[in-house]
Full PDB file with SEQRES, HELIX, SHEET, SSBOND, CRYST1, ORIGX, SCALE, CONECT and MASTER records, all heavy atoms in Angstrom:
SEQRES   1 A   36  PHE ILE ARG GLN TRP GLN LYS ASP GLU LYS THR LEU MET          
SEQRES   2 A   36  LEU THR PRO GLU SER ALA LEU ALA GLU ASN GLN GLN TYR          
SEQRES   3 A   36  THR VAL VAL ILE THR PHE GLY GLN THR THR                      
SHEET    1 AA1 2 ILE A   2  TRP A   5  0                                        
SHEET    2 AA1 2 LEU A  12  THR A  15 -1                                        
CRYST1    1.000    1.000    1.000  90.00  90.00  90.00 P 1           1          
ORIGX1      1.000000  0.000000  0.000000        0.00000                         
ORIGX2      0.000000  1.000000  0.000000        0.00000                         
ORIGX3      0.000000  0.000000  1.000000        0.00000                         
SCALE1      1.000000  0.000000  0.000000        0.00000                         
SCALE2      0.000000  1.000000  0.000000        0.00000                         
SCALE3      0.000000  0.000000  1.000000        0.00000                         
ATOM      1  N   PHE A   1      10.349  -3.284  -1.120  1.00  0.00           N  
ATOM      2  CA  PHE A   1       9.173  -3.379  -0.256  1.00  0.00           C  
ATOM      3  C   PHE A   1       9.476  -4.211   0.982  1.00  0.00           C  
ATOM      4  O   PHE A   1      10.301  -5.115   0.940  1.00  0.00           O  
ATOM      5  CB  PHE A   1       8.026  -4.117  -0.980  1.00  0.00           C  
ATOM      6  CG  PHE A   1       7.391  -3.346  -2.083  1.00  0.00           C  
ATOM      7  CD1 PHE A   1       7.685  -3.624  -3.407  1.00  0.00           C  
ATOM      8  CD2 PHE A   1       6.478  -2.350  -1.794  1.00  0.00           C  
ATOM      9  CE1 PHE A   1       7.085  -2.926  -4.434  1.00  0.00           C  
ATOM     10  CE2 PHE A   1       5.870  -1.646  -2.819  1.00  0.00           C  
ATOM     11  CZ  PHE A   1       6.182  -1.933  -4.135  1.00  0.00           C  
ATOM     12  N   ILE A   2       8.751  -3.924   2.034  1.00  0.00           N  
ATOM     13  CA  ILE A   2       8.685  -4.811   3.188  1.00  0.00           C  
ATOM     14  C   ILE A   2       7.424  -5.633   2.986  1.00  0.00           C  
ATOM     15  O   ILE A   2       6.345  -5.079   2.776  1.00  0.00           O  
ATOM     16  CB  ILE A   2       8.603  -4.024   4.512  1.00  0.00           C  
ATOM     17  CG1 ILE A   2       9.879  -3.225   4.703  1.00  0.00           C  
ATOM     18  CG2 ILE A   2       8.344  -4.959   5.680  1.00  0.00           C  
ATOM     19  CD1 ILE A   2       9.827  -2.286   5.868  1.00  0.00           C  
ATOM     20  N   ARG A   3       7.560  -6.947   3.014  1.00  0.00           N  
ATOM     21  CA  ARG A   3       6.410  -7.842   2.832  1.00  0.00           C  
ATOM     22  C   ARG A   3       5.849  -8.214   4.194  1.00  0.00           C  
ATOM     23  O   ARG A   3       6.573  -8.664   5.063  1.00  0.00           O  
ATOM     24  CB  ARG A   3       6.823  -9.133   2.133  1.00  0.00           C  
ATOM     25  CG  ARG A   3       7.291  -8.973   0.720  1.00  0.00           C  
ATOM     26  CD  ARG A   3       7.605 -10.347   0.162  1.00  0.00           C  
ATOM     27  NE  ARG A   3       8.173 -10.278  -1.160  1.00  0.00           N  
ATOM     28  CZ  ARG A   3       8.185 -11.276  -2.008  1.00  0.00           C  
ATOM     29  NH1 ARG A   3       7.674 -12.443  -1.660  1.00  0.00           N  
ATOM     30  NH2 ARG A   3       8.715 -11.151  -3.189  1.00  0.00           N  
ATOM     31  N   GLN A   4       4.557  -8.045   4.344  1.00  0.00           N  
ATOM     32  CA  GLN A   4       3.880  -8.412   5.588  1.00  0.00           C  
ATOM     33  C   GLN A   4       2.612  -9.176   5.254  1.00  0.00           C  
ATOM     34  O   GLN A   4       1.690  -8.613   4.654  1.00  0.00           O  
ATOM     35  CB  GLN A   4       3.523  -7.159   6.405  1.00  0.00           C  
ATOM     36  CG  GLN A   4       4.707  -6.365   6.883  1.00  0.00           C  
ATOM     37  CD  GLN A   4       5.462  -7.066   7.976  1.00  0.00           C  
ATOM     38  OE1 GLN A   4       4.895  -7.778   8.790  1.00  0.00           O  
ATOM     39  NE2 GLN A   4       6.760  -6.870   8.008  1.00  0.00           N  
ATOM     40  N   TRP A   5       2.564 -10.446   5.639  1.00  0.00           N  
ATOM     41  CA  TRP A   5       1.350 -11.234   5.447  1.00  0.00           C  
ATOM     42  C   TRP A   5       0.410 -10.943   6.602  1.00  0.00           C  
ATOM     43  O   TRP A   5       0.826 -10.897   7.764  1.00  0.00           O  
ATOM     44  CB  TRP A   5       1.667 -12.725   5.395  1.00  0.00           C  
ATOM     45  CG  TRP A   5       2.249 -13.121   4.075  1.00  0.00           C  
ATOM     46  CD1 TRP A   5       3.575 -13.178   3.749  1.00  0.00           C  
ATOM     47  CD2 TRP A   5       1.521 -13.467   2.901  1.00  0.00           C  
ATOM     48  NE1 TRP A   5       3.709 -13.531   2.434  1.00  0.00           N  
ATOM     49  CE2 TRP A   5       2.471 -13.729   1.890  1.00  0.00           C  
ATOM     50  CE3 TRP A   5       0.168 -13.587   2.602  1.00  0.00           C  
ATOM     51  CZ2 TRP A   5       2.108 -14.105   0.606  1.00  0.00           C  
ATOM     52  CZ3 TRP A   5      -0.191 -13.966   1.321  1.00  0.00           C  
ATOM     53  CH2 TRP A   5       0.764 -14.217   0.336  1.00  0.00           C  
ATOM     54  N   GLN A   6      -0.862 -10.749   6.296  1.00  0.00           N  
ATOM     55  CA  GLN A   6      -1.868 -10.512   7.325  1.00  0.00           C  
ATOM     56  C   GLN A   6      -2.277 -11.848   7.940  1.00  0.00           C  
ATOM     57  O   GLN A   6      -2.000 -12.910   7.395  1.00  0.00           O  
ATOM     58  CB  GLN A   6      -3.077  -9.794   6.722  1.00  0.00           C  
ATOM     59  CG  GLN A   6      -2.723  -8.481   6.051  1.00  0.00           C  
ATOM     60  CD  GLN A   6      -2.064  -7.491   6.975  1.00  0.00           C  
ATOM     61  OE1 GLN A   6      -2.677  -7.040   7.933  1.00  0.00           O  
ATOM     62  NE2 GLN A   6      -0.806  -7.161   6.732  1.00  0.00           N  
ATOM     63  N   LYS A   7      -2.940 -11.784   9.068  1.00  0.00           N  
ATOM     64  CA  LYS A   7      -3.327 -12.994   9.796  1.00  0.00           C  
ATOM     65  C   LYS A   7      -4.209 -13.923   8.985  1.00  0.00           C  
ATOM     66  O   LYS A   7      -4.192 -15.129   9.183  1.00  0.00           O  
ATOM     67  CB  LYS A   7      -4.024 -12.626  11.108  1.00  0.00           C  
ATOM     68  CG  LYS A   7      -3.079 -12.040  12.122  1.00  0.00           C  
ATOM     69  CD  LYS A   7      -3.789 -11.708  13.411  1.00  0.00           C  
ATOM     70  CE  LYS A   7      -2.812 -11.080  14.379  1.00  0.00           C  
ATOM     71  NZ  LYS A   7      -3.430 -10.745  15.643  1.00  0.00           N  
ATOM     72  N   ASP A   8      -4.981 -13.375   8.048  1.00  0.00           N  
ATOM     73  CA  ASP A   8      -5.863 -14.229   7.246  1.00  0.00           C  
ATOM     74  C   ASP A   8      -5.100 -15.095   6.245  1.00  0.00           C  
ATOM     75  O   ASP A   8      -5.657 -15.989   5.626  1.00  0.00           O  
ATOM     76  CB  ASP A   8      -6.927 -13.397   6.522  1.00  0.00           C  
ATOM     77  CG  ASP A   8      -6.360 -12.488   5.437  1.00  0.00           C  
ATOM     78  OD1 ASP A   8      -5.135 -12.507   5.164  1.00  0.00           O  
ATOM     79  OD2 ASP A   8      -7.150 -11.756   4.833  1.00  0.00           O  
ATOM     80  N   GLU A   9      -3.805 -14.841   6.093  1.00  0.00           N  
ATOM     81  CA  GLU A   9      -2.914 -15.564   5.183  1.00  0.00           C  
ATOM     82  C   GLU A   9      -3.350 -15.492   3.721  1.00  0.00           C  
ATOM     83  O   GLU A   9      -2.866 -16.222   2.879  1.00  0.00           O  
ATOM     84  CB  GLU A   9      -2.724 -17.015   5.626  1.00  0.00           C  
ATOM     85  CG  GLU A   9      -2.055 -17.126   6.971  1.00  0.00           C  
ATOM     86  CD  GLU A   9      -1.922 -18.556   7.467  1.00  0.00           C  
ATOM     87  OE1 GLU A   9      -2.607 -19.451   6.940  1.00  0.00           O  
ATOM     88  OE2 GLU A   9      -1.118 -18.767   8.385  1.00  0.00           O  
ATOM     89  N   LYS A  10      -4.268 -14.563   3.415  1.00  0.00           N  
ATOM     90  CA  LYS A  10      -4.720 -14.316   2.047  1.00  0.00           C  
ATOM     91  C   LYS A  10      -4.250 -12.948   1.554  1.00  0.00           C  
ATOM     92  O   LYS A  10      -4.306 -12.660   0.369  1.00  0.00           O  
ATOM     93  CB  LYS A  10      -6.253 -14.315   1.957  1.00  0.00           C  
ATOM     94  CG  LYS A  10      -6.928 -15.625   2.176  1.00  0.00           C  
ATOM     95  CD  LYS A  10      -8.428 -15.376   2.051  1.00  0.00           C  
ATOM     96  CE  LYS A  10      -9.233 -16.624   2.068  1.00  0.00           C  
ATOM     97  NZ  LYS A  10     -10.669 -16.334   1.900  1.00  0.00           N  
ATOM     98  N   THR A  11      -3.863 -12.096   2.475  1.00  0.00           N  
ATOM     99  CA  THR A  11      -3.567 -10.705   2.159  1.00  0.00           C  
ATOM    100  C   THR A  11      -2.090 -10.407   2.412  1.00  0.00           C  
ATOM    101  O   THR A  11      -1.592 -10.637   3.507  1.00  0.00           O  
ATOM    102  CB  THR A  11      -4.432  -9.760   3.010  1.00  0.00           C  
ATOM    103  OG1 THR A  11      -5.806 -10.145   2.864  1.00  0.00           O  
ATOM    104  CG2 THR A  11      -4.245  -8.322   2.592  1.00  0.00           C  
ATOM    105  N   LEU A  12      -1.430  -9.904   1.387  1.00  0.00           N  
ATOM    106  CA  LEU A  12      -0.031  -9.510   1.480  1.00  0.00           C  
ATOM    107  C   LEU A  12       0.041  -7.998   1.346  1.00  0.00           C  
ATOM    108  O   LEU A  12      -0.469  -7.427   0.388  1.00  0.00           O  
ATOM    109  CB  LEU A  12       0.782 -10.173   0.362  1.00  0.00           C  
ATOM    110  CG  LEU A  12       2.241  -9.740   0.226  1.00  0.00           C  
ATOM    111  CD1 LEU A  12       3.035 -10.055   1.489  1.00  0.00           C  
ATOM    112  CD2 LEU A  12       2.858 -10.405  -1.001  1.00  0.00           C  
ATOM    113  N   MET A  13       0.674  -7.339   2.322  1.00  0.00           N  
ATOM    114  CA  MET A  13       0.852  -5.899   2.263  1.00  0.00           C  
ATOM    115  C   MET A  13       2.306  -5.625   1.883  1.00  0.00           C  
ATOM    116  O   MET A  13       3.220  -6.122   2.534  1.00  0.00           O  
ATOM    117  CB  MET A  13       0.522  -5.231   3.586  1.00  0.00           C  
ATOM    118  CG  MET A  13       0.618  -3.732   3.483  1.00  0.00           C  
ATOM    119  SD  MET A  13      -0.221  -2.807   4.767  1.00  0.00           S  
ATOM    120  CE  MET A  13      -1.805  -3.538   4.834  1.00  0.00           C  
ATOM    121  N   LEU A  14       2.481  -4.869   0.832  1.00  0.00           N  
ATOM    122  CA  LEU A  14       3.804  -4.463   0.366  1.00  0.00           C  
ATOM    123  C   LEU A  14       3.976  -2.984   0.690  1.00  0.00           C  
ATOM    124  O   LEU A  14       3.314  -2.128   0.099  1.00  0.00           O  
ATOM    125  CB  LEU A  14       3.926  -4.680  -1.148  1.00  0.00           C  
ATOM    126  CG  LEU A  14       3.662  -6.093  -1.646  1.00  0.00           C  
ATOM    127  CD1 LEU A  14       3.557  -6.102  -3.164  1.00  0.00           C  
ATOM    128  CD2 LEU A  14       4.758  -7.018  -1.171  1.00  0.00           C  
ATOM    129  N   THR A  15       4.836  -2.696   1.646  1.00  0.00           N  
ATOM    130  CA  THR A  15       5.046  -1.317   2.069  1.00  0.00           C  
ATOM    131  C   THR A  15       6.389  -0.840   1.534  1.00  0.00           C  
ATOM    132  O   THR A  15       7.432  -1.422   1.864  1.00  0.00           O  
ATOM    133  CB  THR A  15       5.022  -1.204   3.599  1.00  0.00           C  
ATOM    134  OG1 THR A  15       3.779  -1.733   4.071  1.00  0.00           O  
ATOM    135  CG2 THR A  15       5.167   0.235   4.047  1.00  0.00           C  
ATOM    136  N   PRO A  16       6.390   0.196   0.702  1.00  0.00           N  
ATOM    137  CA  PRO A  16       7.662   0.705   0.185  1.00  0.00           C  
ATOM    138  C   PRO A  16       8.550   1.197   1.326  1.00  0.00           C  
ATOM    139  O   PRO A  16       8.056   1.794   2.297  1.00  0.00           O  
ATOM    140  CB  PRO A  16       7.249   1.869  -0.711  1.00  0.00           C  
ATOM    141  CG  PRO A  16       5.793   1.698  -0.963  1.00  0.00           C  
ATOM    142  CD  PRO A  16       5.248   0.952   0.211  1.00  0.00           C  
ATOM    143  N   GLU A  17       9.855   0.940   1.220  1.00  0.00           N  
ATOM    144  CA  GLU A  17      10.787   1.405   2.251  1.00  0.00           C  
ATOM    145  C   GLU A  17      10.909   2.918   2.251  1.00  0.00           C  
ATOM    146  O   GLU A  17      11.325   3.507   3.240  1.00  0.00           O  
ATOM    147  CB  GLU A  17      12.151   0.752   2.082  1.00  0.00           C  
ATOM    148  CG  GLU A  17      12.155  -0.686   2.543  1.00  0.00           C  
ATOM    149  CD  GLU A  17      13.551  -1.252   2.709  1.00  0.00           C  
ATOM    150  OE1 GLU A  17      14.537  -0.590   2.340  1.00  0.00           O  
ATOM    151  OE2 GLU A  17      13.644  -2.372   3.216  1.00  0.00           O  
ATOM    152  N   SER A  18      10.556   3.552   1.147  1.00  0.00           N  
ATOM    153  CA  SER A  18      10.532   5.015   1.082  1.00  0.00           C  
ATOM    154  C   SER A  18       9.371   5.399   0.166  1.00  0.00           C  
ATOM    155  O   SER A  18       8.772   4.544  -0.482  1.00  0.00           O  
ATOM    156  CB  SER A  18      11.861   5.561   0.551  1.00  0.00           C  
ATOM    157  OG  SER A  18      12.128   5.048  -0.722  1.00  0.00           O  
ATOM    158  N   ALA A  19       9.065   6.679   0.139  1.00  0.00           N  
ATOM    159  CA  ALA A  19       7.944   7.137  -0.694  1.00  0.00           C  
ATOM    160  C   ALA A  19       8.188   6.757  -2.150  1.00  0.00           C  
ATOM    161  O   ALA A  19       9.321   6.749  -2.630  1.00  0.00           O  
ATOM    162  CB  ALA A  19       7.779   8.646  -0.565  1.00  0.00           C  
ATOM    163  N   LEU A  20       7.121   6.436  -2.845  1.00  0.00           N  
ATOM    164  CA  LEU A  20       7.212   6.167  -4.270  1.00  0.00           C  
ATOM    165  C   LEU A  20       7.525   7.480  -5.001  1.00  0.00           C  
ATOM    166  O   LEU A  20       7.304   8.565  -4.466  1.00  0.00           O  
ATOM    167  CB  LEU A  20       5.890   5.584  -4.778  1.00  0.00           C  
ATOM    168  CG  LEU A  20       5.473   4.244  -4.177  1.00  0.00           C  
ATOM    169  CD1 LEU A  20       4.074   3.858  -4.647  1.00  0.00           C  
ATOM    170  CD2 LEU A  20       6.476   3.162  -4.518  1.00  0.00           C  
ATOM    171  N   ALA A  21       8.033   7.364  -6.201  1.00  0.00           N  
ATOM    172  CA  ALA A  21       8.324   8.559  -7.003  1.00  0.00           C  
ATOM    173  C   ALA A  21       7.015   9.258  -7.369  1.00  0.00           C  
ATOM    174  O   ALA A  21       5.988   8.614  -7.564  1.00  0.00           O  
ATOM    175  CB  ALA A  21       9.087   8.175  -8.263  1.00  0.00           C  
ATOM    176  N   GLU A  22       7.071  10.560  -7.478  1.00  0.00           N  
ATOM    177  CA  GLU A  22       5.896  11.348  -7.828  1.00  0.00           C  
ATOM    178  C   GLU A  22       5.586  11.218  -9.317  1.00  0.00           C  
ATOM    179  O   GLU A  22       6.489  11.124 -10.136  1.00  0.00           O  
ATOM    180  CB  GLU A  22       6.131  12.819  -7.487  1.00  0.00           C  
ATOM    181  CG  GLU A  22       6.349  13.068  -6.008  1.00  0.00           C  
ATOM    182  CD  GLU A  22       6.563  14.535  -5.703  1.00  0.00           C  
ATOM    183  OE1 GLU A  22       5.772  15.365  -6.184  1.00  0.00           O  
ATOM    184  OE2 GLU A  22       7.523  14.847  -4.976  1.00  0.00           O  
ATOM    185  N   ASN A  23       4.288  11.233  -9.638  1.00  0.00           N  
ATOM    186  CA  ASN A  23       3.822  11.227 -11.033  1.00  0.00           C  
ATOM    187  C   ASN A  23       4.496  10.137 -11.863  1.00  0.00           C  
ATOM    188  O   ASN A  23       4.911  10.370 -12.996  1.00  0.00           O  
ATOM    189  CB  ASN A  23       4.034  12.604 -11.668  1.00  0.00           C  
ATOM    190  CG  ASN A  23       3.315  13.688 -10.902  1.00  0.00           C  
ATOM    191  OD1 ASN A  23       2.144  13.564 -10.579  1.00  0.00           O  
ATOM    192  ND2 ASN A  23       4.028  14.749 -10.571  1.00  0.00           N  
ATOM    193  N   GLN A  24       4.584   8.955 -11.290  1.00  0.00           N  
ATOM    194  CA  GLN A  24       5.283   7.839 -11.925  1.00  0.00           C  
ATOM    195  C   GLN A  24       4.319   6.680 -12.158  1.00  0.00           C  
ATOM    196  O   GLN A  24       3.508   6.376 -11.293  1.00  0.00           O  
ATOM    197  CB  GLN A  24       6.421   7.361 -11.002  1.00  0.00           C  
ATOM    198  CG  GLN A  24       7.152   6.125 -11.459  1.00  0.00           C  
ATOM    199  CD  GLN A  24       7.991   6.379 -12.692  1.00  0.00           C  
ATOM    200  OE1 GLN A  24       8.803   7.286 -12.712  1.00  0.00           O  
ATOM    201  NE2 GLN A  24       7.791   5.589 -13.722  1.00  0.00           N  
ATOM    202  N   GLN A  25       4.429   6.054 -13.313  1.00  0.00           N  
ATOM    203  CA  GLN A  25       3.646   4.846 -13.546  1.00  0.00           C  
ATOM    204  C   GLN A  25       4.458   3.662 -13.034  1.00  0.00           C  
ATOM    205  O   GLN A  25       5.645   3.535 -13.314  1.00  0.00           O  
ATOM    206  CB  GLN A  25       3.321   4.633 -15.017  1.00  0.00           C  
ATOM    207  CG  GLN A  25       2.499   3.368 -15.217  1.00  0.00           C  
ATOM    208  CD  GLN A  25       2.038   3.157 -16.644  1.00  0.00           C  
ATOM    209  OE1 GLN A  25       2.407   3.898 -17.537  1.00  0.00           O  
ATOM    210  NE2 GLN A  25       1.233   2.145 -16.835  1.00  0.00           N  
ATOM    211  N   TYR A  26       3.800   2.808 -12.272  1.00  0.00           N  
ATOM    212  CA  TYR A  26       4.416   1.595 -11.736  1.00  0.00           C  
ATOM    213  C   TYR A  26       3.665   0.384 -12.264  1.00  0.00           C  
ATOM    214  O   TYR A  26       2.451   0.427 -12.442  1.00  0.00           O  
ATOM    215  CB  TYR A  26       4.332   1.567 -10.203  1.00  0.00           C  
ATOM    216  CG  TYR A  26       5.291   2.505  -9.535  1.00  0.00           C  
ATOM    217  CD1 TYR A  26       4.938   3.813  -9.246  1.00  0.00           C  
ATOM    218  CD2 TYR A  26       6.575   2.071  -9.197  1.00  0.00           C  
ATOM    219  CE1 TYR A  26       5.828   4.673  -8.629  1.00  0.00           C  
ATOM    220  CE2 TYR A  26       7.469   2.926  -8.584  1.00  0.00           C  
ATOM    221  CZ  TYR A  26       7.093   4.224  -8.295  1.00  0.00           C  
ATOM    222  OH  TYR A  26       7.978   5.074  -7.699  1.00  0.00           O  
ATOM    223  N   THR A  27       4.407  -0.692 -12.468  1.00  0.00           N  
ATOM    224  CA  THR A  27       3.807  -1.978 -12.797  1.00  0.00           C  
ATOM    225  C   THR A  27       4.321  -2.984 -11.778  1.00  0.00           C  
ATOM    226  O   THR A  27       5.533  -3.066 -11.534  1.00  0.00           O  
ATOM    227  CB  THR A  27       4.171  -2.431 -14.217  1.00  0.00           C  
ATOM    228  OG1 THR A  27       3.700  -1.443 -15.138  1.00  0.00           O  
ATOM    229  CG2 THR A  27       3.526  -3.772 -14.543  1.00  0.00           C  
ATOM    230  N   VAL A  28       3.406  -3.710 -11.170  1.00  0.00           N  
ATOM    231  CA  VAL A  28       3.745  -4.754 -10.203  1.00  0.00           C  
ATOM    232  C   VAL A  28       3.390  -6.082 -10.852  1.00  0.00           C  
ATOM    233  O   VAL A  28       2.254  -6.282 -11.283  1.00  0.00           O  
ATOM    234  CB  VAL A  28       2.957  -4.576  -8.883  1.00  0.00           C  
ATOM    235  CG1 VAL A  28       3.330  -5.673  -7.885  1.00  0.00           C  
ATOM    236  CG2 VAL A  28       3.183  -3.199  -8.291  1.00  0.00           C  
ATOM    237  N   VAL A  29       4.374  -6.977 -10.943  1.00  0.00           N  
ATOM    238  CA  VAL A  29       4.177  -8.287 -11.553  1.00  0.00           C  
ATOM    239  C   VAL A  29       4.344  -9.342 -10.461  1.00  0.00           C  
ATOM    240  O   VAL A  29       5.382  -9.408  -9.803  1.00  0.00           O  
ATOM    241  CB  VAL A  29       5.183  -8.545 -12.700  1.00  0.00           C  
ATOM    242  CG1 VAL A  29       4.976  -9.935 -13.288  1.00  0.00           C  
ATOM    243  CG2 VAL A  29       5.061  -7.467 -13.761  1.00  0.00           C  
ATOM    244  N   ILE A  30       3.301 -10.148 -10.276  1.00  0.00           N  
ATOM    245  CA  ILE A  30       3.306 -11.193  -9.249  1.00  0.00           C  
ATOM    246  C   ILE A  30       3.249 -12.534  -9.951  1.00  0.00           C  
ATOM    247  O   ILE A  30       2.360 -12.785 -10.771  1.00  0.00           O  
ATOM    248  CB  ILE A  30       2.095 -11.039  -8.307  1.00  0.00           C  
ATOM    249  CG1 ILE A  30       2.140  -9.658  -7.657  1.00  0.00           C  
ATOM    250  CG2 ILE A  30       2.075 -12.148  -7.259  1.00  0.00           C  
ATOM    251  CD1 ILE A  30       0.861  -9.242  -7.006  1.00  0.00           C  
ATOM    252  N   THR A  31       4.212 -13.388  -9.628  1.00  0.00           N  
ATOM    253  CA  THR A  31       4.263 -14.716 -10.223  1.00  0.00           C  
ATOM    254  C   THR A  31       4.181 -15.756  -9.117  1.00  0.00           C  
ATOM    255  O   THR A  31       4.930 -15.685  -8.134  1.00  0.00           O  
ATOM    256  CB  THR A  31       5.559 -14.919 -11.045  1.00  0.00           C  
ATOM    257  OG1 THR A  31       5.641 -13.889 -12.026  1.00  0.00           O  
ATOM    258  CG2 THR A  31       5.571 -16.281 -11.711  1.00  0.00           C  
ATOM    259  N   PHE A  32       3.260 -16.696  -9.305  1.00  0.00           N  
ATOM    260  CA  PHE A  32       3.098 -17.817  -8.381  1.00  0.00           C  
ATOM    261  C   PHE A  32       2.967 -19.078  -9.222  1.00  0.00           C  
ATOM    262  O   PHE A  32       1.985 -19.226  -9.954  1.00  0.00           O  
ATOM    263  CB  PHE A  32       1.857 -17.615  -7.498  1.00  0.00           C  
ATOM    264  CG  PHE A  32       1.585 -18.770  -6.593  1.00  0.00           C  
ATOM    265  CD1 PHE A  32       2.445 -19.080  -5.562  1.00  0.00           C  
ATOM    266  CD2 PHE A  32       0.469 -19.564  -6.783  1.00  0.00           C  
ATOM    267  CE1 PHE A  32       2.198 -20.150  -4.726  1.00  0.00           C  
ATOM    268  CE2 PHE A  32       0.207 -20.640  -5.957  1.00  0.00           C  
ATOM    269  CZ  PHE A  32       1.085 -20.940  -4.918  1.00  0.00           C  
ATOM    270  N   GLY A  33       3.999 -19.916  -9.148  1.00  0.00           N  
ATOM    271  CA  GLY A  33       3.982 -21.112  -9.988  1.00  0.00           C  
ATOM    272  C   GLY A  33       3.979 -20.710 -11.448  1.00  0.00           C  
ATOM    273  O   GLY A  33       4.827 -19.956 -11.907  1.00  0.00           O  
ATOM    274  N   GLN A  34       2.973 -21.173 -12.182  1.00  0.00           N  
ATOM    275  CA  GLN A  34       2.863 -20.868 -13.608  1.00  0.00           C  
ATOM    276  C   GLN A  34       1.966 -19.659 -13.885  1.00  0.00           C  
ATOM    277  O   GLN A  34       1.746 -19.298 -15.038  1.00  0.00           O  
ATOM    278  CB  GLN A  34       2.294 -22.096 -14.353  1.00  0.00           C  
ATOM    279  CG  GLN A  34       3.150 -23.341 -14.214  1.00  0.00           C  
ATOM    280  CD  GLN A  34       4.551 -23.129 -14.787  1.00  0.00           C  
ATOM    281  OE1 GLN A  34       4.716 -22.532 -15.837  1.00  0.00           O  
ATOM    282  NE2 GLN A  34       5.556 -23.613 -14.074  1.00  0.00           N  
ATOM    283  N   THR A  35       1.433 -19.044 -12.834  1.00  0.00           N  
ATOM    284  CA  THR A  35       0.489 -17.938 -12.994  1.00  0.00           C  
ATOM    285  C   THR A  35       1.180 -16.605 -12.759  1.00  0.00           C  
ATOM    286  O   THR A  35       1.867 -16.423 -11.750  1.00  0.00           O  
ATOM    287  CB  THR A  35      -0.683 -18.087 -12.000  1.00  0.00           C  
ATOM    288  OG1 THR A  35      -1.273 -19.360 -12.182  1.00  0.00           O  
ATOM    289  CG2 THR A  35      -1.713 -16.997 -12.203  1.00  0.00           C  
ATOM    290  N   THR A  36       0.989 -15.691 -13.682  1.00  0.00           N  
ATOM    291  CA  THR A  36       1.536 -14.341 -13.551  1.00  0.00           C  
ATOM    292  C   THR A  36       0.395 -13.345 -13.683  1.00  0.00           C  
ATOM    293  O   THR A  36      -0.434 -13.446 -14.584  1.00  0.00           O  
ATOM    294  CB  THR A  36       2.598 -14.073 -14.634  1.00  0.00           C  
ATOM    295  OG1 THR A  36       3.680 -14.983 -14.451  1.00  0.00           O  
ATOM    296  CG2 THR A  36       3.128 -12.652 -14.538  1.00  0.00           C  
TER     297      THR A  36                                                      
MASTER        0    0    0    0    2    0    0    6  296    1    0    3          
END                                                                             
């Protein structure tokens, strides 16, 4: 992904460098400190 923080500094946009796979299940795991 290309990470782009928005001006509000609350919103992170993750743009895939290429199209995602078709008919695929994805899981995104975000960890910050002790919180996942």
